[in-house]
Amino acid sequence: MYAIVRAGGRQEKVAEGDVLTVDRLTGEAGDTLKLQALLVVDGDNVVSKAADLAKFEITAEIIGAVKGPKINIMHYRNKTGYKRRMGHRQPYTEVKITGIKSGKK
């Protein structure tokens, strides 16, 4: 079983036990959170209606904060001797999917 979830402004394909990197989330390591499902695939059964997706609960645990790769930025203006070098590292949060459960009994 896997699901497509909305996480950090993007859509991610997740299954139970997957670790994914999303944009920075509030919370500390060990906190749990729920992700919004956009599509759930269970074998041959595909669920995409909003009413049916509301029955599914996708839980995740925050592993910790990480940083992305360094991006080097260079500003340069011709004939003036102006050069400026900057860098940026985007903050991310690592999240582990702990369960995809349906509300069916």
PDB file of N, CA and C in Angstrom:
ATOM      1  N   MET A   1       0.855  -1.175   0.000  1.00  0.00           N
ATOM      2  CA  MET A   1       0.000   0.000   0.000  1.00  0.00           C
ATOM      3  C   MET A   1       0.896   1.231   0.000  1.00  0.00           C
ATOM      4  N   TYR A   2       0.534   2.204  -0.822  1.00  0.00           N
ATOM      5  CA  TYR A   2       1.235   3.472  -0.806  1.00  0.00           C
ATOM      6  C   TYR A   2       0.242   4.597  -1.012  1.00  0.00           C
ATOM      7  N   ALA A   3       0.698   5.811  -0.731  1.00  0.00           N
ATOM      8  CA  ALA A   3      -0.176   6.977  -0.833  1.00  0.00           C
ATOM      9  C   ALA A   3       0.609   8.146  -1.417  1.00  0.00           C
ATOM     10  N   ILE A   4      -0.115   9.051  -2.026  1.00  0.00           N
ATOM     11  CA  ILE A   4       0.438  10.323  -2.465  1.00  0.00           C
ATOM     12  C   ILE A   4      -0.038  11.350  -1.442  1.00  0.00           C
ATOM     13  N   VAL A   5       0.893  12.049  -0.801  1.00  0.00           N
ATOM     14  CA  VAL A   5       0.541  13.004   0.249  1.00  0.00           C
ATOM     15  C   VAL A   5       1.049  14.393  -0.119  1.00  0.00           C
ATOM     16  N   ARG A   6       0.428  15.399   0.477  1.00  0.00           N
ATOM     17  CA  ARG A   6       0.882  16.773   0.337  1.00  0.00           C
ATOM     18  C   ARG A   6       1.779  17.067   1.539  1.00  0.00           C
ATOM     19  N   ALA A   7       3.032  17.400   1.244  1.00  0.00           N
ATOM     20  CA  ALA A   7       3.992  17.663   2.323  1.00  0.00           C
ATOM     21  C   ALA A   7       4.935  18.769   1.888  1.00  0.00           C
ATOM     22  N   GLY A   8       4.909  19.863   2.593  1.00  0.00           N
ATOM     23  CA  GLY A   8       5.832  20.945   2.326  1.00  0.00           C
ATOM     24  C   GLY A   8       5.647  21.602   0.972  1.00  0.00           C
ATOM     25  N   GLY A   9       4.406  21.712   0.499  1.00  0.00           N
ATOM     26  CA  GLY A   9       4.150  22.357  -0.781  1.00  0.00           C
ATOM     27  C   GLY A   9       4.380  21.453  -1.979  1.00  0.00           C
ATOM     28  N   ARG A  10       4.756  20.213  -1.762  1.00  0.00           N
ATOM     29  CA  ARG A  10       4.985  19.262  -2.844  1.00  0.00           C
ATOM     30  C   ARG A  10       4.145  18.015  -2.615  1.00  0.00           C
ATOM     31  N   GLN A  11       4.059  17.190  -3.632  1.00  0.00           N
ATOM     32  CA  GLN A  11       3.394  15.907  -3.503  1.00  0.00           C
ATOM     33  C   GLN A  11       4.458  14.816  -3.487  1.00  0.00           C
ATOM     34  N   GLU A  12       4.325  13.904  -2.537  1.00  0.00           N
ATOM     35  CA  GLU A  12       5.317  12.843  -2.365  1.00  0.00           C
ATOM     36  C   GLU A  12       4.624  11.492  -2.347  1.00  0.00           C
ATOM     37  N   LYS A  13       5.252  10.497  -2.947  1.00  0.00           N
ATOM     38  CA  LYS A  13       4.765   9.123  -2.887  1.00  0.00           C
ATOM     39  C   LYS A  13       5.394   8.466  -1.663  1.00  0.00           C
ATOM     40  N   VAL A  14       4.562   7.955  -0.744  1.00  0.00           N
ATOM     41  CA  VAL A  14       5.086   7.380   0.492  1.00  0.00           C
ATOM     42  C   VAL A  14       4.470   6.014   0.753  1.00  0.00           C
ATOM     43  N   ALA A  15       5.233   5.190   1.424  1.00  0.00           N
ATOM     44  CA  ALA A  15       4.770   3.896   1.935  1.00  0.00           C
ATOM     45  C   ALA A  15       5.218   3.827   3.384  1.00  0.00           C
ATOM     46  N   GLU A  16       4.684   2.869   4.107  1.00  0.00           N
ATOM     47  CA  GLU A  16       5.040   2.742   5.522  1.00  0.00           C
ATOM     48  C   GLU A  16       6.526   2.409   5.653  1.00  0.00           C
ATOM     49  N   GLY A  17       7.220   3.164   6.519  1.00  0.00           N
ATOM     50  CA  GLY A  17       8.649   2.966   6.730  1.00  0.00           C
ATOM     51  C   GLY A  17       9.534   3.879   5.899  1.00  0.00           C
ATOM     52  N   ASP A  18       8.963   4.619   4.957  1.00  0.00           N
ATOM     53  CA  ASP A  18       9.757   5.535   4.129  1.00  0.00           C
ATOM     54  C   ASP A  18      10.217   6.738   4.933  1.00  0.00           C
ATOM     55  N   VAL A  19      11.388   7.247   4.586  1.00  0.00           N
ATOM     56  CA  VAL A  19      11.909   8.478   5.178  1.00  0.00           C
ATOM     57  C   VAL A  19      11.970   9.506   4.062  1.00  0.00           C
ATOM     58  N   LEU A  20      11.343  10.662   4.278  1.00  0.00           N
ATOM     59  CA  LEU A  20      11.375  11.695   3.265  1.00  0.00           C
ATOM     60  C   LEU A  20      11.780  13.023   3.869  1.00  0.00           C
ATOM     61  N   THR A  21      12.261  13.890   3.009  1.00  0.00           N
ATOM     62  CA  THR A  21      12.716  15.213   3.414  1.00  0.00           C
ATOM     63  C   THR A  21      11.715  16.229   2.908  1.00  0.00           C
ATOM     64  N   VAL A  22      11.147  17.015   3.820  1.00  0.00           N
ATOM     65  CA  VAL A  22      10.156  18.033   3.462  1.00  0.00           C
ATOM     66  C   VAL A  22      10.637  19.388   3.959  1.00  0.00           C
ATOM     67  N   ASP A  23       9.984  20.447   3.495  1.00  0.00           N
ATOM     68  CA  ASP A  23      10.324  21.781   3.974  1.00  0.00           C
ATOM     69  C   ASP A  23      10.173  21.840   5.482  1.00  0.00           C
ATOM     70  N   ARG A  24      10.841  22.777   6.106  1.00  0.00           N
ATOM     71  CA  ARG A  24      10.918  22.887   7.563  1.00  0.00           C
ATOM     72  C   ARG A  24       9.548  22.854   8.220  1.00  0.00           C
ATOM     73  N   LEU A  25       9.372  21.986   9.191  1.00  0.00           N
ATOM     74  CA  LEU A  25       8.134  21.861   9.956  1.00  0.00           C
ATOM     75  C   LEU A  25       8.409  22.235  11.407  1.00  0.00           C
ATOM     76  N   THR A  26       7.388  22.758  12.063  1.00  0.00           N
ATOM     77  CA  THR A  26       7.534  23.033  13.488  1.00  0.00           C
ATOM     78  C   THR A  26       7.426  21.716  14.247  1.00  0.00           C
ATOM     79  N   GLY A  27       8.160  21.594  15.292  1.00  0.00           N
ATOM     80  CA  GLY A  27       8.139  20.377  16.089  1.00  0.00           C
ATOM     81  C   GLY A  27       9.550  19.890  16.331  1.00  0.00           C
ATOM     82  N   GLU A  28       9.666  18.994  17.282  1.00  0.00           N
ATOM     83  CA  GLU A  28      10.965  18.454  17.660  1.00  0.00           C
ATOM     84  C   GLU A  28      11.054  16.991  17.254  1.00  0.00           C
ATOM     85  N   ALA A  29      12.233  16.433  17.326  1.00  0.00           N
ATOM     86  CA  ALA A  29      12.440  15.028  16.993  1.00  0.00           C
ATOM     87  C   ALA A  29      11.596  14.160  17.916  1.00  0.00           C
ATOM     88  N   GLY A  30      10.901  13.200  17.333  1.00  0.00           N
ATOM     89  CA  GLY A  30      10.036  12.315  18.095  1.00  0.00           C
ATOM     90  C   GLY A  30       8.571  12.701  18.063  1.00  0.00           C
ATOM     91  N   ASP A  31       8.259  13.934  17.660  1.00  0.00           N
ATOM     92  CA  ASP A  31       6.854  14.360  17.554  1.00  0.00           C
ATOM     93  C   ASP A  31       6.188  13.645  16.387  1.00  0.00           C
ATOM     94  N   THR A  32       4.886  13.423  16.514  1.00  0.00           N
ATOM     95  CA  THR A  32       4.132  12.799  15.429  1.00  0.00           C
ATOM     96  C   THR A  32       3.264  13.843  14.742  1.00  0.00           C
ATOM     97  N   LEU A  33       2.966  13.576  13.485  1.00  0.00           N
ATOM     98  CA  LEU A  33       2.103  14.478  12.734  1.00  0.00           C
ATOM     99  C   LEU A  33       1.298  13.673  11.743  1.00  0.00           C
ATOM    100  N   LYS A  34       0.241  14.289  11.213  1.00  0.00           N
ATOM    101  CA  LYS A  34      -0.619  13.649  10.226  1.00  0.00           C
ATOM    102  C   LYS A  34      -0.461  14.391   8.912  1.00  0.00           C
ATOM    103  N   LEU A  35      -0.385  13.620   7.825  1.00  0.00           N
ATOM    104  CA  LEU A  35      -0.250  14.193   6.499  1.00  0.00           C
ATOM    105  C   LEU A  35      -1.545  14.020   5.726  1.00  0.00           C
ATOM    106  N   GLN A  36      -1.815  14.945   4.824  1.00  0.00           N
ATOM    107  CA  GLN A  36      -3.037  14.928   4.036  1.00  0.00           C
ATOM    108  C   GLN A  36      -2.847  14.019   2.824  1.00  0.00           C
ATOM    109  N   ALA A  37      -3.728  13.032   2.661  1.00  0.00           N
ATOM    110  CA  ALA A  37      -3.648  12.099   1.536  1.00  0.00           C
ATOM    111  C   ALA A  37      -4.367  12.679   0.330  1.00  0.00           C
ATOM    112  N   LEU A  38      -3.749  12.558  -0.839  1.00  0.00           N
ATOM    113  CA  LEU A  38      -4.367  12.983  -2.094  1.00  0.00           C
ATOM    114  C   LEU A  38      -4.809  11.787  -2.925  1.00  0.00           C
ATOM    115  N   LEU A  39      -4.150  10.639  -2.699  1.00  0.00           N
ATOM    116  CA  LEU A  39      -4.459   9.419  -3.431  1.00  0.00           C
ATOM    117  C   LEU A  39      -3.912   8.256  -2.623  1.00  0.00           C
ATOM    118  N   VAL A  40      -4.663   7.156  -2.569  1.00  0.00           N
ATOM    119  CA  VAL A  40      -4.199   5.957  -1.865  1.00  0.00           C
ATOM    120  C   VAL A  40      -4.354   4.774  -2.804  1.00  0.00           C
ATOM    121  N   VAL A  41      -3.289   3.978  -2.951  1.00  0.00           N
ATOM    122  CA  VAL A  41      -3.310   2.795  -3.800  1.00  0.00           C
ATOM    123  C   VAL A  41      -3.052   1.588  -2.914  1.00  0.00           C
ATOM    124  N   ASP A  42      -4.014   0.652  -2.919  1.00  0.00           N
ATOM    125  CA  ASP A  42      -3.893  -0.575  -2.139  1.00  0.00           C
ATOM    126  C   ASP A  42      -4.088  -1.742  -3.096  1.00  0.00           C
ATOM    127  N   GLY A  43      -2.998  -2.236  -3.640  1.00  0.00           N
ATOM    128  CA  GLY A  43      -3.099  -3.306  -4.635  1.00  0.00           C
ATOM    129  C   GLY A  43      -3.742  -2.775  -5.911  1.00  0.00           C
ATOM    130  N   ASP A  44      -4.899  -3.347  -6.278  1.00  0.00           N
ATOM    131  CA  ASP A  44      -5.637  -2.885  -7.462  1.00  0.00           C
ATOM    132  C   ASP A  44      -6.639  -1.800  -7.122  1.00  0.00           C
ATOM    133  N   ASN A  45      -6.852  -1.545  -5.841  1.00  0.00           N
ATOM    134  CA  ASN A  45      -7.846  -0.558  -5.398  1.00  0.00           C
ATOM    135  C   ASN A  45      -7.206   0.831  -5.307  1.00  0.00           C
ATOM    136  N   VAL A  46      -7.764   1.802  -6.043  1.00  0.00           N
ATOM    137  CA  VAL A  46      -7.267   3.172  -6.030  1.00  0.00           C
ATOM    138  C   VAL A  46      -8.355   4.073  -5.462  1.00  0.00           C
ATOM    139  N   VAL A  47      -8.017   4.845  -4.416  1.00  0.00           N
ATOM    140  CA  VAL A  47      -8.963   5.749  -3.765  1.00  0.00           C
ATOM    141  C   VAL A  47      -8.530   7.180  -4.063  1.00  0.00           C
ATOM    142  N   SER A  48      -9.439   7.967  -4.658  1.00  0.00           N
ATOM    143  CA  SER A  48      -9.092   9.349  -4.975  1.00  0.00           C
ATOM    144  C   SER A  48     -10.190  10.338  -4.620  1.00  0.00           C
ATOM    145  N   LYS A  49     -11.366   9.864  -4.219  1.00  0.00           N
ATOM    146  CA  LYS A  49     -12.449  10.779  -3.839  1.00  0.00           C
ATOM    147  C   LYS A  49     -12.168  11.371  -2.461  1.00  0.00           C
ATOM    148  N   ALA A  50     -12.489  12.652  -2.321  1.00  0.00           N
ATOM    149  CA  ALA A  50     -12.191  13.353  -1.064  1.00  0.00           C
ATOM    150  C   ALA A  50     -12.912  12.726   0.119  1.00  0.00           C
ATOM    151  N   ALA A  51     -14.147  12.287  -0.070  1.00  0.00           N
ATOM    152  CA  ALA A  51     -14.905  11.688   1.030  1.00  0.00           C
ATOM    153  C   ALA A  51     -14.264  10.378   1.501  1.00  0.00           C
ATOM    154  N   ASP A  52     -13.773   9.603   0.560  1.00  0.00           N
ATOM    155  CA  ASP A  52     -13.129   8.333   0.921  1.00  0.00           C
ATOM    156  C   ASP A  52     -11.733   8.562   1.501  1.00  0.00           C
ATOM    157  N   LEU A  53     -11.032   9.570   1.002  1.00  0.00           N
ATOM    158  CA  LEU A  53      -9.691   9.860   1.511  1.00  0.00           C
ATOM    159  C   LEU A  53      -9.716  10.375   2.943  1.00  0.00           C
ATOM    160  N   ALA A  54     -10.845  10.982   3.349  1.00  0.00           N
ATOM    161  CA  ALA A  54     -10.956  11.476   4.719  1.00  0.00           C
ATOM    162  C   ALA A  54     -10.910  10.327   5.731  1.00  0.00           C
ATOM    163  N   LYS A  55     -11.219   9.112   5.282  1.00  0.00           N
ATOM    164  CA  LYS A  55     -11.192   7.949   6.169  1.00  0.00           C
ATOM    165  C   LYS A  55      -9.770   7.439   6.413  1.00  0.00           C
ATOM    166  N   PHE A  56      -8.827   7.818   5.563  1.00  0.00           N
ATOM    167  CA  PHE A  56      -7.451   7.353   5.702  1.00  0.00           C
ATOM    168  C   PHE A  56      -6.658   8.294   6.589  1.00  0.00           C
ATOM    169  N   GLU A  57      -5.781   7.704   7.383  1.00  0.00           N
ATOM    170  CA  GLU A  57      -4.934   8.479   8.285  1.00  0.00           C
ATOM    171  C   GLU A  57      -3.479   8.091   8.030  1.00  0.00           C
ATOM    172  N   ILE A  58      -2.684   9.077   7.626  1.00  0.00           N
ATOM    173  CA  ILE A  58      -1.270   8.842   7.362  1.00  0.00           C
ATOM    174  C   ILE A  58      -0.480   9.546   8.454  1.00  0.00           C
ATOM    175  N   THR A  59       0.189   8.767   9.281  1.00  0.00           N
ATOM    176  CA  THR A  59       0.930   9.324  10.408  1.00  0.00           C
ATOM    177  C   THR A  59       2.425   9.268  10.114  1.00  0.00           C
ATOM    178  N   ALA A  60       3.127  10.251  10.664  1.00  0.00           N
ATOM    179  CA  ALA A  60       4.568  10.326  10.463  1.00  0.00           C
ATOM    180  C   ALA A  60       5.226  10.798  11.751  1.00  0.00           C
ATOM    181  N   GLU A  61       6.498  10.479  11.881  1.00  0.00           N
ATOM    182  CA  GLU A  61       7.281  10.882  13.048  1.00  0.00           C
ATOM    183  C   GLU A  61       8.442  11.744  12.565  1.00  0.00           C
ATOM    184  N   ILE A  62       8.676  12.844  13.256  1.00  0.00           N
ATOM    185  CA  ILE A  62       9.787  13.725  12.896  1.00  0.00           C
ATOM    186  C   ILE A  62      11.086  13.109  13.397  1.00  0.00           C
ATOM    187  N   ILE A  63      12.034  12.927  12.482  1.00  0.00           N
ATOM    188  CA  ILE A  63      13.342  12.380  12.840  1.00  0.00           C
ATOM    189  C   ILE A  63      14.267  13.501  13.296  1.00  0.00           C
ATOM    190  N   GLY A  64      14.264  14.602  12.559  1.00  0.00           N
ATOM    191  CA  GLY A  64      15.123  15.716  12.944  1.00  0.00           C
ATOM    192  C   GLY A  64      15.256  16.729  11.822  1.00  0.00           C
ATOM    193  N   ALA A  65      15.965  17.799  12.117  1.00  0.00           N
ATOM    194  CA  ALA A  65      16.180  18.864  11.147  1.00  0.00           C
ATOM    195  C   ALA A  65      17.483  18.611  10.393  1.00  0.00           C
ATOM    196  N   VAL A  66      17.458  18.853   9.107  1.00  0.00           N
ATOM    197  CA  VAL A  66      18.650  18.721   8.264  1.00  0.00           C
ATOM    198  C   VAL A  66      18.739  19.937   7.354  1.00  0.00           C
ATOM    199  N   LYS A  67      19.897  20.098   6.719  1.00  0.00           N
ATOM    200  CA  LYS A  67      20.072  21.192   5.768  1.00  0.00           C
ATOM    201  C   LYS A  67      20.329  20.618   4.386  1.00  0.00           C
ATOM    202  N   GLY A  68      19.865  21.338   3.395  1.00  0.00           N
ATOM    203  CA  GLY A  68      20.074  20.932   2.013  1.00  0.00           C
ATOM    204  C   GLY A  68      21.479  21.260   1.544  1.00  0.00           C
ATOM    205  N   PRO A  69      21.760  21.013   0.282  1.00  0.00           N
ATOM    206  CA  PRO A  69      23.089  21.308  -0.241  1.00  0.00           C
ATOM    207  C   PRO A  69      23.335  22.803  -0.323  1.00  0.00           C
ATOM    208  N   LYS A  70      24.593  23.196  -0.237  1.00  0.00           N
ATOM    209  CA  LYS A  70      24.939  24.606  -0.298  1.00  0.00           C
ATOM    210  C   LYS A  70      24.811  25.102  -1.730  1.00  0.00           C
ATOM    211  N   ILE A  71      24.182  26.257  -1.875  1.00  0.00           N
ATOM    212  CA  ILE A  71      24.038  26.917  -3.161  1.00  0.00           C
ATOM    213  C   ILE A  71      24.896  28.168  -3.119  1.00  0.00           C
ATOM    214  N   ASN A  72      25.823  28.292  -4.051  1.00  0.00           N
ATOM    215  CA  ASN A  72      26.693  29.454  -4.127  1.00  0.00           C
ATOM    216  C   ASN A  72      26.075  30.494  -5.055  1.00  0.00           C
ATOM    217  N   ILE A  73      26.054  31.742  -4.596  1.00  0.00           N
ATOM    218  CA  ILE A  73      25.477  32.843  -5.346  1.00  0.00           C
ATOM    219  C   ILE A  73      26.561  33.889  -5.541  1.00  0.00           C
ATOM    220  N   MET A  74      26.742  34.340  -6.760  1.00  0.00           N
ATOM    221  CA  MET A  74      27.768  35.330  -7.062  1.00  0.00           C
ATOM    222  C   MET A  74      27.120  36.533  -7.728  1.00  0.00           C
ATOM    223  N   HIS A  75      27.258  37.715  -7.126  1.00  0.00           N
ATOM    224  CA  HIS A  75      26.785  38.966  -7.723  1.00  0.00           C
ATOM    225  C   HIS A  75      27.992  39.661  -8.346  1.00  0.00           C
ATOM    226  N   TYR A  76      27.828  40.164  -9.535  1.00  0.00           N
ATOM    227  CA  TYR A  76      28.937  40.818 -10.230  1.00  0.00           C
ATOM    228  C   TYR A  76      28.384  41.979 -11.061  1.00  0.00           C
ATOM    229  N   ARG A  77      29.037  43.112 -10.987  1.00  0.00           N
ATOM    230  CA  ARG A  77      28.672  44.259 -11.823  1.00  0.00           C
ATOM    231  C   ARG A  77      29.883  44.621 -12.677  1.00  0.00           C
ATOM    232  N   ASN A  78      29.654  44.703 -13.940  1.00  0.00           N
ATOM    233  CA  ASN A  78      30.712  44.942 -14.906  1.00  0.00           C
ATOM    234  C   ASN A  78      31.339  46.339 -14.739  1.00  0.00           C
ATOM    235  N   LYS A  79      32.642  46.423 -14.855  1.00  0.00           N
ATOM    236  CA  LYS A  79      33.417  47.672 -14.898  1.00  0.00           C
ATOM    237  C   LYS A  79      33.408  48.493 -13.615  1.00  0.00           C
ATOM    238  N   THR A  80      32.900  47.960 -12.508  1.00  0.00           N
ATOM    239  CA  THR A  80      32.869  48.732 -11.258  1.00  0.00           C
ATOM    240  C   THR A  80      33.705  48.094 -10.156  1.00  0.00           C
ATOM    241  N   GLY A  81      34.173  46.894 -10.380  1.00  0.00           N
ATOM    242  CA  GLY A  81      34.935  46.207  -9.356  1.00  0.00           C
ATOM    243  C   GLY A  81      34.061  45.616  -8.261  1.00  0.00           C
ATOM    244  N   TYR A  82      32.742  45.545  -8.497  1.00  0.00           N
ATOM    245  CA  TYR A  82      31.819  45.017  -7.485  1.00  0.00           C
ATOM    246  C   TYR A  82      31.672  43.518  -7.675  1.00  0.00           C
ATOM    247  N   LYS A  83      32.056  42.746  -6.660  1.00  0.00           N
ATOM    248  CA  LYS A  83      31.842  41.306  -6.628  1.00  0.00           C
ATOM    249  C   LYS A  83      31.371  40.954  -5.225  1.00  0.00           C
ATOM    250  N   ARG A  84      30.361  40.111  -5.140  1.00  0.00           N
ATOM    251  CA  ARG A  84      29.862  39.688  -3.835  1.00  0.00           C
ATOM    252  C   ARG A  84      29.522  38.209  -3.918  1.00  0.00           C
ATOM    253  N   ARG A  85      30.035  37.442  -2.976  1.00  0.00           N
ATOM    254  CA  ARG A  85      29.792  36.014  -2.945  1.00  0.00           C
ATOM    255  C   ARG A  85      28.934  35.681  -1.734  1.00  0.00           C
ATOM    256  N   MET A  86      27.857  34.938  -1.958  1.00  0.00           N
ATOM    257  CA  MET A  86      26.966  34.518  -0.872  1.00  0.00           C
ATOM    258  C   MET A  86      26.672  33.037  -1.022  1.00  0.00           C
ATOM    259  N   GLY A  87      26.131  32.460   0.022  1.00  0.00           N
ATOM    260  CA  GLY A  87      25.722  31.065  -0.011  1.00  0.00           C
ATOM    261  C   GLY A  87      24.401  30.893   0.724  1.00  0.00           C
ATOM    262  N   HIS A  88      23.755  29.760   0.464  1.00  0.00           N
ATOM    263  CA  HIS A  88      22.482  29.474   1.113  1.00  0.00           C
ATOM    264  C   HIS A  88      22.334  27.973   1.288  1.00  0.00           C
ATOM    265  N   ARG A  89      21.816  27.566   2.445  1.00  0.00           N
ATOM    266  CA  ARG A  89      21.463  26.165   2.703  1.00  0.00           C
ATOM    267  C   ARG A  89      20.043  26.131   3.222  1.00  0.00           C
ATOM    268  N   GLN A  90      19.156  25.500   2.473  1.00  0.00           N
ATOM    269  CA  GLN A  90      17.737  25.441   2.817  1.00  0.00           C
ATOM    270  C   GLN A  90      17.523  24.489   3.995  1.00  0.00           C
ATOM    271  N   PRO A  91      16.766  24.915   5.015  1.00  0.00           N
ATOM    272  CA  PRO A  91      16.469  23.999   6.131  1.00  0.00           C
ATOM    273  C   PRO A  91      15.335  23.038   5.764  1.00  0.00           C
ATOM    274  N   TYR A  92      15.519  21.780   6.079  1.00  0.00           N
ATOM    275  CA  TYR A  92      14.521  20.743   5.830  1.00  0.00           C
ATOM    276  C   TYR A  92      14.263  19.964   7.116  1.00  0.00           C
ATOM    277  N   THR A  93      13.216  19.153   7.105  1.00  0.00           N
ATOM    278  CA  THR A  93      12.897  18.256   8.211  1.00  0.00           C
ATOM    279  C   THR A  93      12.789  16.850   7.660  1.00  0.00           C
ATOM    280  N   GLU A  94      13.451  15.894   8.279  1.00  0.00           N
ATOM    281  CA  GLU A  94      13.326  14.497   7.887  1.00  0.00           C
ATOM    282  C   GLU A  94      12.155  13.882   8.637  1.00  0.00           C
ATOM    283  N   VAL A  95      11.317  13.168   7.899  1.00  0.00           N
ATOM    284  CA  VAL A  95      10.094  12.589   8.449  1.00  0.00           C
ATOM    285  C   VAL A  95      10.034  11.116   8.060  1.00  0.00           C
ATOM    286  N   LYS A  96       9.677  10.265   9.028  1.00  0.00           N
ATOM    287  CA  LYS A  96       9.507   8.830   8.755  1.00  0.00           C
ATOM    288  C   LYS A  96       8.023   8.494   8.816  1.00  0.00           C
ATOM    289  N   ILE A  97       7.505   7.828   7.786  1.00  0.00           N
ATOM    290  CA  ILE A  97       6.101   7.440   7.735  1.00  0.00           C
ATOM    291  C   ILE A  97       5.919   6.217   8.632  1.00  0.00           C
ATOM    292  N   THR A  98       5.055   6.366   9.635  1.00  0.00           N
ATOM    293  CA  THR A  98       4.853   5.268  10.594  1.00  0.00           C
ATOM    294  C   THR A  98       3.617   4.457  10.313  1.00  0.00           C
ATOM    295  N   GLY A  99       2.669   4.975   9.546  1.00  0.00           N
ATOM    296  CA  GLY A  99       1.477   4.169   9.268  1.00  0.00           C
ATOM    297  C   GLY A  99       0.549   4.799   8.257  1.00  0.00           C
ATOM    298  N   ILE A 100      -0.077   3.932   7.473  1.00  0.00           N
ATOM    299  CA  ILE A 100      -1.160   4.322   6.574  1.00  0.00           C
ATOM    300  C   ILE A 100      -2.329   3.436   6.964  1.00  0.00           C
ATOM    301  N   LYS A 101      -3.321   4.039   7.615  1.00  0.00           N
ATOM    302  CA  LYS A 101      -4.441   3.255   8.143  1.00  0.00           C
ATOM    303  C   LYS A 101      -5.738   3.757   7.537  1.00  0.00           C
ATOM    304  N   SER A 102      -6.618   2.800   7.235  1.00  0.00           N
ATOM    305  CA  SER A 102      -7.942   3.178   6.753  1.00  0.00           C
ATOM    306  C   SER A 102      -8.910   3.105   7.928  1.00  0.00           C
ATOM    307  N   GLY A 103      -9.956   3.902   7.848  1.00  0.00           N
ATOM    308  CA  GLY A 103     -10.937   3.948   8.924  1.00  0.00           C
ATOM    309  C   GLY A 103     -11.970   2.847   8.845  1.00  0.00           C
ATOM    310  N   LYS A 104     -11.831   1.936   7.871  1.00  0.00           N
ATOM    311  CA  LYS A 104     -12.794   0.837   7.714  1.00  0.00           C
ATOM    312  C   LYS A 104     -12.665  -0.133   8.860  1.00  0.00           C
ATOM    313  N   LYS A 105     -13.767  -0.709   9.242  1.00  0.00           N
ATOM    314  CA  LYS A 105     -13.768  -1.704  10.329  1.00  0.00           C
ATOM    315  C   LYS A 105     -13.997  -3.073   9.752  1.00  0.00           C
TER     316      LYS A 105
END
